Structures are given as structure tokens and as C-alpha cells.
């Protein structure tokens, strides 16, 4: 009886639970017409989910590229010929180029002599042992040694020098070494753009060749001598450095067309602007140095004021002058100018705090019909185009009138 009652209770509880479960399922199921939009349907529980796709796309595989073919330059006949010619010039002339080692004496605080070495370059001028170099290479030296391309060293003496043109001639014993003189060319046929070669001793590195072109012609450079100029200088971009001074500038036929002399550089090293004294000056000056030890420079005998620099200041002081030309301040007594009748300043004026100047002298405007606009024009024309003993036609303005006065040139003291 008791057992029947328990069984009845369990059946009742089971029926109640099933009824509640059926009611919950019915109320949680949405109507058939409703379509959910916020929640996507999930796959069946038995489905296997794929692994997540990485957020960074995988780059496509790049097919292997074929490397470009190696470019092989075909031999160029013009380039090969130029290279061969440069090599030929060096082979033909390097034995003519020498290294010059000089010794100068300086003095320390206690006045003890301290020898110092310097270097330059030069070239064999003739079979008699004459060597051409720059004056500034041997200026003030006490000893000179010349070293040839084979290392042979010989002592040298100074035969002659010309500070104005920065040229000097040395001499070694011609019997002490086989000498190979250079061939001198002419600088009046040169062209801008022409290939040139410089051989010398830059920074003590003997027998160094550099290559370039003529950058310009007719340059004016300063002379080692105060207030003098070297005209018709050759400008080149062939590397010229300290130690190249006095060495040859050559054309591609191996002829000396200039003597390397100066560079323009803020660091004293090559900056692509070098200057050479023209071969025509060498041909004019060197024979005189060998024969007489010096070069006779033409001389007019006047002290002048360059109007290209002073005209404006003179006008401010009430002096009527042209923009260019040379006003004669003073005629040196017994000079060619004095004998020819040129006239110096007639009265003194004060130019600000500069000083007192004689003015109203003749104003030189031309030499032999060639216009003269500055002192460098005047100096260069006398040096390049006249000789001692020649008659020079001097065009002047005197009292506003143009006159041509002949003057026989003397030798500069």
C-alpha cells in the first residue's frame, strides 16, 4: 500500500516536469514568419569550423626574373687612339722632365741656420745641359739638385733668371748624363678645347702625368715681381699642384706649349684652374738668359695712374679725365719718355686721405695704335710686342687733344 503511494507521487512529478519543459520550448521558439537579421544562423553542431583567415593578405608568388644581360662595350677606335697617343707622349717626353730639389736657409729664434727643402719641376732645353724652370722655384735658394727620370741626381747652377716672366735657366754637366731635349712648340696656334698633358713632380711624386684641355687663352697672371704681369698665359684644367711648377705643358704631339706656373685654389691643391707661361715667351726669353743671364725689358720711363680705377675720384676733385687710360704723373729724368717729349703732372691736388697727386699730365690711350685701358694692358703690350731700341708710337690726350708721340724704348733699369 505504501509502495503504491510512492509510485503515484513519482509519476505525478515526472508528468509535471515534462509539461513545464514543453511549455518553455513552445514560448522560446519564434513565429515561423519572423526572419532574424541580427544573428546569423549557426552551422550544425556536427560541422567542423574552418580555421580563421589571417587579416594580412598573402602576397602572390612573384615569378623569378631573368637578370639583364651584361653590357660589353665595343672597342672604340677614337678612344683607343687617344689613349695610345697620351701613352706615346709620355714615353717620348718623360725622360726630358726633371725633378728639382732646392735647399733654402731659414733661421730659428737663436739665429741658427735651418735648411729647408723644396721641390719643383723642369725640362731639358738643349744638349748643353740647360734646364728650364720657374724663377720662383729657385728664388733665394742655396743649393739645387736635378733628378732625372732614371733617378740620376746632378748638381745644378743658375745660368740666368727673369722674375718678370717667372722663368729661370739652370745648367748641369752635359757629360754626366744622357740628355734628351724637348721640342718647343708655338703658343699662337693653340685652341680652346685642345687636349694637353702636364708632366711634373706634384707633392714630390716624380714623373706624374695629368691630362686635360686648354680651358682659355690670353689670360693675365701676376708676376713674382711686384706690380708686373705675365700676359697670354694658358689656362688648363690638367691637374697642376705644388711641385708641378716649372714642368712642361705639352700638346698631343709631344711639343712643349707652356711652362706650368700657377694655380688658383683656396687650398693650394688643384681646383681645375692652372696657368702656364706660353711657349712663345719661352722662345723669346730663354735664349737671352743663356747668352746674357738676364732679359732686357723695354722701358718707357713714366709713373702713371690707372684711370680705370681712379677716374671717379679724380672727377670728384675737379679733374676732367676719361674713364680709361693712363695719366702720366711723372716722367723719369733722362728716360726715353723724357727724350721723346711726354709730359707729366702739372699741378698737385689732394685726393681725400689718399695723398697728393700731380695731375693734368698726358693721358696714354694707345701704343702703336693698340688701345690701352689699364696698367696691365700697358705692361703686357710693352713686354710682348716691343723690344729695346724700337720706336714706339704713343697716343696721348694732352689738353683735350689727341697726339701721337714717337719714343725710342730703352732698357728697364
Protein backbone atom coordinates (compact mmCIF):
# COMPACT_ATOMS: atom_id res chain seq x y z
CA UNK A 1 0.00 0.00 0.00
CA UNK A 2 2.83 2.33 0.96
CA UNK A 3 4.72 1.34 -2.15
CA UNK A 4 1.80 2.18 -4.43
CA UNK A 5 1.53 5.64 -2.91
CA UNK A 6 5.24 6.43 -3.60
CA UNK A 7 4.98 5.27 -7.16
CA UNK A 8 1.95 7.50 -7.72
CA UNK A 9 3.87 10.56 -6.44
CA UNK A 10 6.89 9.91 -8.75
CA UNK A 11 4.63 9.53 -11.79
CA UNK A 12 2.97 12.81 -10.97
CA UNK A 13 6.29 14.69 -10.60
CA UNK A 14 7.57 13.30 -13.90
CA UNK A 15 4.45 14.39 -15.74
CA UNK A 16 4.67 17.89 -14.26
CA UNK A 17 8.34 18.28 -15.36
CA UNK A 18 7.61 17.22 -18.90
CA UNK A 19 4.77 19.69 -19.13
CA UNK A 20 6.94 22.60 -17.96
CA UNK A 21 9.67 21.66 -20.46
CA UNK A 22 7.18 21.53 -23.30
CA UNK A 23 5.80 24.96 -22.37
CA UNK A 24 9.29 26.57 -22.25
CA UNK A 25 10.18 25.15 -25.66
CA UNK A 26 6.98 26.45 -27.18
CA UNK A 27 7.36 30.02 -25.86
CA UNK A 28 11.08 30.32 -26.80
CA UNK A 29 10.52 29.37 -30.47
CA UNK A 30 9.82 32.47 -32.63
CA UNK A 31 6.90 32.53 -35.05
CA UNK A 32 7.54 30.85 -38.37
CA UNK A 33 7.10 34.10 -40.29
CA UNK A 34 9.85 36.02 -38.38
CA UNK A 35 13.32 36.18 -40.09
CA UNK A 36 16.21 37.06 -37.75
CA UNK A 37 18.56 39.78 -39.09
CA UNK A 38 20.84 40.47 -36.16
CA UNK A 39 22.14 37.00 -35.63
CA UNK A 40 23.32 34.71 -38.46
CA UNK A 41 22.30 31.07 -38.34
CA UNK A 42 24.98 28.82 -37.00
CA UNK A 43 26.09 25.64 -38.73
CA UNK A 44 25.01 22.31 -37.35
CA UNK A 45 26.79 21.23 -34.23
CA UNK A 46 28.44 18.45 -36.15
CA UNK A 47 30.03 20.82 -38.68
CA UNK A 48 33.81 21.33 -38.45
CA UNK A 49 34.74 25.05 -38.32
CA UNK A 50 37.49 26.26 -40.66
CA UNK A 51 40.50 27.99 -39.07
CA UNK A 52 40.35 31.82 -39.05
CA UNK A 53 41.67 33.61 -42.15
CA UNK A 54 44.63 35.89 -41.41
CA UNK A 55 43.86 39.62 -41.67
CA UNK A 56 47.02 40.28 -43.76
CA UNK A 57 46.72 39.14 -47.34
CA UNK A 58 49.34 36.70 -48.50
CA UNK A 59 51.28 38.20 -51.45
CA UNK A 60 51.09 36.44 -54.71
CA UNK A 61 54.15 34.47 -55.66
CA UNK A 62 56.45 36.55 -57.96
CA UNK A 63 57.87 34.50 -60.77
CA UNK A 64 61.68 34.51 -60.94
CA UNK A 65 63.04 37.26 -63.24
CA UNK A 66 65.91 36.77 -65.65
CA UNK A 67 68.88 39.11 -64.84
CA UNK A 68 69.65 41.67 -67.54
CA UNK A 69 72.44 40.73 -69.87
CA UNK A 70 75.90 42.16 -69.09
CA UNK A 71 76.65 45.08 -71.41
CA UNK A 72 80.01 44.73 -73.07
CA UNK A 73 81.43 47.93 -74.56
CA UNK A 74 82.69 47.53 -78.05
CA UNK A 75 86.23 48.83 -78.65
CA UNK A 76 86.11 52.46 -79.77
CA UNK A 77 88.76 53.36 -82.29
CA UNK A 78 88.82 57.05 -81.34
CA UNK A 79 89.20 56.36 -77.61
CA UNK A 80 91.87 53.75 -78.24
CA UNK A 81 93.77 56.15 -80.48
CA UNK A 82 93.60 58.94 -77.87
CA UNK A 83 94.83 56.65 -75.12
CA UNK A 84 97.66 55.38 -77.30
CA UNK A 85 98.67 58.95 -78.15
CA UNK A 86 98.80 60.02 -74.49
CA UNK A 87 100.94 57.00 -73.70
CA UNK A 88 103.20 57.83 -76.65
CA UNK A 89 103.64 61.43 -75.45
CA UNK A 90 104.67 60.21 -72.01
CA UNK A 91 107.11 57.67 -73.42
CA UNK A 92 108.65 60.27 -75.73
CA UNK A 93 108.99 63.12 -73.22
CA UNK A 94 109.21 61.77 -69.66
CA UNK A 95 112.99 61.44 -69.87
CA UNK A 96 113.17 65.17 -70.64
CA UNK A 97 111.27 66.12 -67.47
CA UNK A 98 113.29 66.54 -64.27
CA UNK A 99 112.58 66.84 -60.58
CA UNK A 100 114.25 69.87 -58.99
CA UNK A 101 115.11 69.73 -55.28
CA UNK A 102 116.19 73.03 -53.73
CA UNK A 103 117.53 74.00 -50.32
CA UNK A 104 116.89 77.32 -48.62
CA UNK A 105 118.14 78.57 -45.27
CA UNK A 106 115.83 79.91 -42.61
CA UNK A 107 116.82 80.99 -39.12
CA UNK A 108 115.38 79.95 -35.78
CA UNK A 109 114.85 82.10 -32.69
CA UNK A 110 118.54 81.86 -31.80
CA UNK A 111 119.59 82.80 -35.37
CA UNK A 112 120.80 79.31 -36.15
CA UNK A 113 120.58 78.40 -39.84
CA UNK A 114 117.92 75.77 -40.53
CA UNK A 115 117.99 74.23 -44.04
CA UNK A 116 114.64 73.52 -45.66
CA UNK A 117 113.93 71.55 -48.82
CA UNK A 118 111.52 72.41 -51.60
CA UNK A 119 110.66 70.78 -54.90
CA UNK A 120 109.72 71.82 -58.39
CA UNK A 121 109.91 70.59 -61.94
CA UNK A 122 111.79 71.47 -65.11
CA UNK A 123 112.70 70.18 -68.54
CA UNK A 124 115.84 69.70 -70.62
CA UNK A 125 116.10 72.62 -73.03
CA UNK A 126 119.15 71.57 -75.06
CA UNK A 127 122.02 69.09 -75.25
CA UNK A 128 124.35 71.56 -73.50
CA UNK A 129 122.77 70.82 -70.13
CA UNK A 130 120.37 73.77 -69.86
CA UNK A 131 117.23 73.14 -67.80
CA UNK A 132 114.21 75.48 -67.91
CA UNK A 133 112.08 76.02 -64.82
CA UNK A 134 110.20 78.80 -62.99
CA UNK A 135 112.05 81.63 -61.31
CA UNK A 136 110.01 81.17 -58.13
CA UNK A 137 111.27 77.57 -57.84
CA UNK A 138 114.90 78.69 -57.43
CA UNK A 139 114.41 82.14 -55.87
CA UNK A 140 116.70 82.60 -52.86
CA UNK A 141 117.96 79.01 -52.75
CA UNK A 142 121.42 77.90 -51.65
CA UNK A 143 121.56 74.51 -53.36
CA UNK A 144 119.93 72.95 -56.43
CA UNK A 145 119.83 69.26 -57.36
CA UNK A 146 118.30 67.94 -60.58
CA UNK A 147 116.91 64.39 -60.58
CA UNK A 148 116.30 62.66 -63.91
CA UNK A 149 113.65 60.04 -64.67
CA UNK A 150 116.11 57.18 -64.06
CA UNK A 151 116.95 58.52 -60.58
CA UNK A 152 120.28 60.09 -61.56
CA UNK A 153 120.93 63.23 -59.46
CA UNK A 154 123.19 66.07 -60.61
CA UNK A 155 124.03 69.43 -59.04
CA UNK A 156 122.87 72.49 -60.98
CA UNK A 157 123.77 76.16 -61.12
CA UNK A 158 121.67 79.15 -62.17
CA UNK A 159 122.64 80.50 -65.60
CA UNK A 160 120.05 83.28 -65.73
CA UNK A 161 116.64 84.29 -64.46
CA UNK A 162 113.80 86.65 -65.29
CA UNK A 163 111.44 87.37 -62.37
CA UNK A 164 109.07 89.36 -64.60
CA UNK A 165 108.25 86.32 -66.74
CA UNK A 166 108.85 83.79 -63.92
CA UNK A 167 111.49 81.90 -65.91
CA UNK A 168 114.94 80.61 -65.00
CA UNK A 169 117.62 78.54 -66.71
CA UNK A 170 119.79 76.05 -64.83
CA UNK A 171 122.78 74.10 -66.06
CA UNK A 172 124.03 70.59 -65.33
CA UNK A 173 127.14 68.87 -66.64
CA UNK A 174 126.06 67.50 -70.06
CA UNK A 175 128.76 64.83 -69.91
CA UNK A 176 127.38 63.40 -66.67
CA UNK A 177 124.10 62.14 -68.11
CA UNK A 178 122.50 61.40 -71.47
CA UNK A 179 120.22 64.37 -72.14
CA UNK A 180 117.02 64.32 -74.17
CA UNK A 181 115.92 67.89 -75.02
CA UNK A 182 112.26 68.73 -75.53
CA UNK A 183 110.72 70.07 -78.73
CA UNK A 184 109.33 73.59 -78.30
CA UNK A 185 106.00 74.37 -79.93
CA UNK A 186 104.27 77.68 -80.68
CA UNK A 187 101.57 79.04 -78.43
CA UNK A 188 99.99 81.35 -81.01
CA UNK A 189 98.30 78.42 -82.81
CA UNK A 190 96.64 76.92 -79.73
CA UNK A 191 92.86 76.44 -79.48
CA UNK A 192 90.48 76.31 -76.54
CA UNK A 193 89.40 72.68 -76.03
CA UNK A 194 92.69 71.28 -77.32
CA UNK A 195 93.95 68.25 -75.35
CA UNK A 196 97.09 68.82 -73.25
CA UNK A 197 99.32 66.82 -70.93
CA UNK A 198 101.24 68.06 -67.88
CA UNK A 199 104.23 66.11 -66.54
CA UNK A 200 105.95 67.02 -63.31
CA UNK A 201 106.63 66.42 -59.66
CA UNK A 202 103.47 67.30 -57.67
CA UNK A 203 104.00 66.93 -53.92
CA UNK A 204 107.29 65.17 -54.66
CA UNK A 205 105.65 62.43 -56.75
CA UNK A 206 108.07 62.47 -59.65
CA UNK A 207 107.15 61.75 -63.28
CA UNK A 208 103.42 62.29 -62.71
CA UNK A 209 101.26 62.75 -65.82
CA UNK A 210 97.92 64.55 -65.81
CA UNK A 211 95.60 65.12 -68.73
CA UNK A 212 93.13 67.86 -69.62
CA UNK A 213 92.23 70.56 -72.09
CA UNK A 214 93.08 74.18 -72.74
CA UNK A 215 90.34 76.00 -70.85
CA UNK A 216 91.16 79.50 -72.08
CA UNK A 217 93.87 81.55 -73.77
CA UNK A 218 95.25 85.05 -73.31
CA UNK A 219 94.93 85.11 -69.53
CA UNK A 220 96.80 87.71 -67.46
CA UNK A 221 98.50 86.41 -64.31
CA UNK A 222 100.59 88.15 -61.68
CA UNK A 223 104.35 88.01 -61.94
CA UNK A 224 106.58 87.15 -58.96
CA UNK A 225 107.99 90.65 -59.48
CA UNK A 226 105.96 93.36 -57.75
CA UNK A 227 103.42 95.20 -59.91
CA UNK A 228 104.28 93.19 -63.03
CA UNK A 229 102.10 90.89 -65.11
CA UNK A 230 102.51 87.88 -67.40
CA UNK A 231 100.33 88.06 -70.48
CA UNK A 232 99.00 85.46 -72.91
CA UNK A 233 99.01 82.78 -70.19
CA UNK A 234 97.40 79.42 -70.97
CA UNK A 235 94.61 78.25 -68.66
CA UNK A 236 94.16 74.48 -68.31
CA UNK A 237 92.19 72.00 -66.21
CA UNK A 238 95.01 69.43 -66.33
CA UNK A 239 95.82 68.88 -62.65
CA UNK A 240 98.65 71.17 -61.52
CA UNK A 241 99.74 71.07 -57.88
CA UNK A 242 102.64 72.37 -55.77
CA UNK A 243 105.73 70.74 -57.23
CA UNK A 244 104.46 70.96 -60.83
CA UNK A 245 105.90 74.47 -61.16
CA UNK A 246 108.44 74.65 -63.97
CA UNK A 247 107.30 71.45 -65.66
CA UNK A 248 106.11 71.33 -69.27
CA UNK A 249 102.59 71.60 -70.61
CA UNK A 250 102.57 69.52 -73.80
CA UNK A 251 100.28 69.08 -76.77
CA UNK A 252 99.47 65.58 -78.03
CA UNK A 253 102.37 65.72 -80.45
CA UNK A 254 104.78 65.97 -77.52
CA UNK A 255 105.71 69.62 -78.06
CA UNK A 256 106.13 72.00 -75.11
CA UNK A 257 103.46 74.69 -75.43
CA UNK A 258 103.88 76.18 -71.96
CA UNK A 259 105.65 76.12 -68.60
CA UNK A 260 103.31 75.27 -65.72
CA UNK A 261 103.49 78.12 -63.23
CA UNK A 262 100.42 78.87 -61.11
CA UNK A 263 97.12 77.56 -59.81
CA UNK A 264 94.01 79.21 -58.44
CA UNK A 265 92.90 77.30 -55.35
CA UNK A 266 91.71 78.08 -51.81
CA UNK A 267 93.58 75.02 -50.51
CA UNK A 268 96.83 75.21 -52.53
CA UNK A 269 95.80 71.95 -54.24
CA UNK A 270 94.42 71.52 -57.71
CA UNK A 271 90.97 73.01 -58.26
CA UNK A 272 90.88 72.69 -62.04
CA UNK A 273 92.34 76.13 -62.76
CA UNK A 274 96.02 76.16 -63.66
CA UNK A 275 98.14 78.53 -65.72
CA UNK A 276 101.19 78.05 -67.91
CA UNK A 277 103.62 80.61 -69.33
CA UNK A 278 103.26 80.38 -73.13
CA UNK A 279 105.93 78.75 -75.30
CA UNK A 280 106.37 81.95 -77.31
CA UNK A 281 107.56 83.70 -74.15
CA UNK A 282 109.98 80.84 -73.50
CA UNK A 283 111.37 81.17 -77.03
CA UNK A 284 111.80 84.92 -76.56
CA UNK A 285 113.30 84.95 -73.06
CA UNK A 286 115.34 81.76 -72.60
CA UNK A 287 117.97 82.43 -75.32
CA UNK A 288 118.68 85.80 -73.66
CA UNK A 289 119.05 84.14 -70.27
CA UNK A 290 121.51 81.61 -71.68
CA UNK A 291 123.52 84.27 -73.52
CA UNK A 292 123.44 87.13 -71.00
CA UNK A 293 121.97 85.84 -67.75
CA UNK A 294 119.08 88.31 -67.91
CA UNK A 295 116.35 89.54 -70.22
CA UNK A 296 116.36 93.20 -71.40
CA UNK A 297 112.87 94.56 -70.74
CA UNK A 298 111.65 97.54 -72.81
CA UNK A 299 111.24 100.73 -70.79
CA UNK A 300 109.34 103.94 -71.36
CA UNK A 301 110.18 105.73 -68.13
CA UNK A 302 106.88 107.04 -66.76
CA UNK A 303 104.97 106.75 -63.49
CA UNK A 304 101.28 106.51 -64.27
CA UNK A 305 97.85 106.41 -62.65
CA UNK A 306 95.36 103.80 -63.91
CA UNK A 307 92.21 105.77 -64.74
CA UNK A 308 90.09 102.62 -64.85
CA UNK A 309 90.45 102.69 -61.05
CA UNK A 310 90.90 106.37 -60.27
CA UNK A 311 88.74 108.30 -62.76
CA UNK A 312 85.73 108.75 -60.48
CA UNK A 313 87.80 110.03 -57.57
CA UNK A 314 89.70 112.43 -59.83
CA UNK A 315 86.46 113.83 -61.21
CA UNK A 316 85.28 114.36 -57.66
CA UNK A 317 88.37 116.50 -57.14
CA UNK A 318 87.57 118.56 -60.24
CA UNK A 319 89.93 116.88 -62.72
CA UNK A 320 88.43 116.13 -66.15
CA UNK A 321 89.61 112.68 -67.22
CA UNK A 322 88.25 109.81 -69.38
CA UNK A 323 87.11 106.51 -67.90
CA UNK A 324 90.20 104.59 -69.02
CA UNK A 325 93.81 105.19 -69.95
CA UNK A 326 96.97 106.01 -68.01
CA UNK A 327 97.57 109.52 -66.72
CA UNK A 328 101.28 110.30 -66.52
CA UNK A 329 102.11 111.53 -63.03
CA UNK A 330 105.84 111.81 -63.54
CA UNK A 331 108.35 111.44 -66.36
CA UNK A 332 111.63 109.92 -65.16
CA UNK A 333 114.55 112.21 -65.81
CA UNK A 334 116.67 111.28 -68.84
CA UNK A 335 114.30 108.42 -69.69
CA UNK A 336 113.01 107.52 -73.18
CA UNK A 337 109.75 109.30 -72.30
CA UNK A 338 111.62 112.47 -71.32
CA UNK A 339 113.68 112.38 -74.51
CA UNK A 340 110.55 111.81 -76.57
CA UNK A 341 108.68 114.76 -75.06
CA UNK A 342 105.99 113.09 -72.96
CA UNK A 343 104.63 115.34 -70.21
CA UNK A 344 103.94 114.55 -66.56
CA UNK A 345 101.67 116.20 -63.98
CA UNK A 346 101.43 119.99 -63.98
CA UNK A 347 99.81 120.69 -60.59
CA UNK A 348 99.25 118.96 -57.25
CA UNK A 349 95.86 118.05 -55.81
CA UNK A 350 94.78 116.17 -52.69
CA UNK A 351 92.61 113.09 -53.16
CA UNK A 352 90.78 112.64 -49.86
CA UNK A 353 93.04 110.89 -47.36
CA UNK A 354 94.95 109.08 -50.12
CA UNK A 355 97.54 111.79 -50.62
CA UNK A 356 98.70 114.43 -53.08
CA UNK A 357 98.98 113.68 -56.78
CA UNK A 358 100.37 115.61 -59.74
CA UNK A 359 97.63 115.86 -62.38
CA UNK A 360 97.00 117.27 -65.88
CA UNK A 361 99.78 115.18 -67.40
CA UNK A 362 99.50 113.37 -70.74
CA UNK A 363 96.96 110.53 -70.75
CA UNK A 364 98.21 107.45 -72.65
CA UNK A 365 95.37 105.85 -74.63
CA UNK A 366 97.19 103.63 -77.17
CA UNK A 367 100.57 102.08 -78.02
CA UNK A 368 101.31 101.57 -81.72
CA UNK A 369 97.58 102.02 -82.31
CA UNK A 370 96.56 99.32 -79.82
CA UNK A 371 94.14 100.70 -77.18
CA UNK A 372 95.46 100.80 -73.62
CA UNK A 373 92.74 100.90 -70.97
CA UNK A 374 94.63 99.80 -67.84
CA UNK A 375 98.11 99.40 -66.41
CA UNK A 376 98.10 95.65 -67.13
CA UNK A 377 97.36 96.42 -70.80
CA UNK A 378 100.28 98.85 -70.86
CA UNK A 379 102.71 96.50 -69.11
CA UNK A 380 101.80 93.44 -71.19
CA UNK A 381 101.96 95.27 -74.51
CA UNK A 382 105.46 96.59 -73.78
CA UNK A 383 106.63 93.12 -72.71
CA UNK A 384 105.14 91.05 -75.52
CA UNK A 385 105.17 93.33 -78.52
CA UNK A 386 108.18 95.65 -78.23
CA UNK A 387 111.96 95.42 -77.94
CA UNK A 388 114.66 97.65 -76.56
CA UNK A 389 115.71 100.17 -79.23
CA UNK A 390 112.41 100.07 -81.13
CA UNK A 391 110.38 103.22 -81.77
CA UNK A 392 107.01 103.16 -80.04
CA UNK A 393 104.11 105.34 -81.21
CA UNK A 394 102.48 106.63 -78.01
CA UNK A 395 98.97 108.09 -78.41
CA UNK A 396 98.13 110.62 -75.68
CA UNK A 397 95.47 113.13 -74.74
CA UNK A 398 97.09 116.49 -73.98
CA UNK A 399 94.88 119.42 -73.07
CA UNK A 400 91.94 117.54 -74.55
CA UNK A 401 93.66 116.99 -77.91
CA UNK A 402 94.92 113.63 -79.20
CA UNK A 403 98.58 113.44 -80.23
CA UNK A 404 100.88 110.63 -81.36
CA UNK A 405 104.42 110.95 -79.97
CA UNK A 406 107.25 108.64 -81.14
CA UNK A 407 109.53 107.34 -78.37
CA UNK A 408 112.64 105.13 -78.72
CA UNK A 409 112.43 102.49 -75.99
CA UNK A 410 115.29 101.94 -73.58
CA UNK A 411 116.14 99.03 -71.27
CA UNK A 412 114.43 98.92 -67.90
CA UNK A 413 116.90 99.61 -65.09
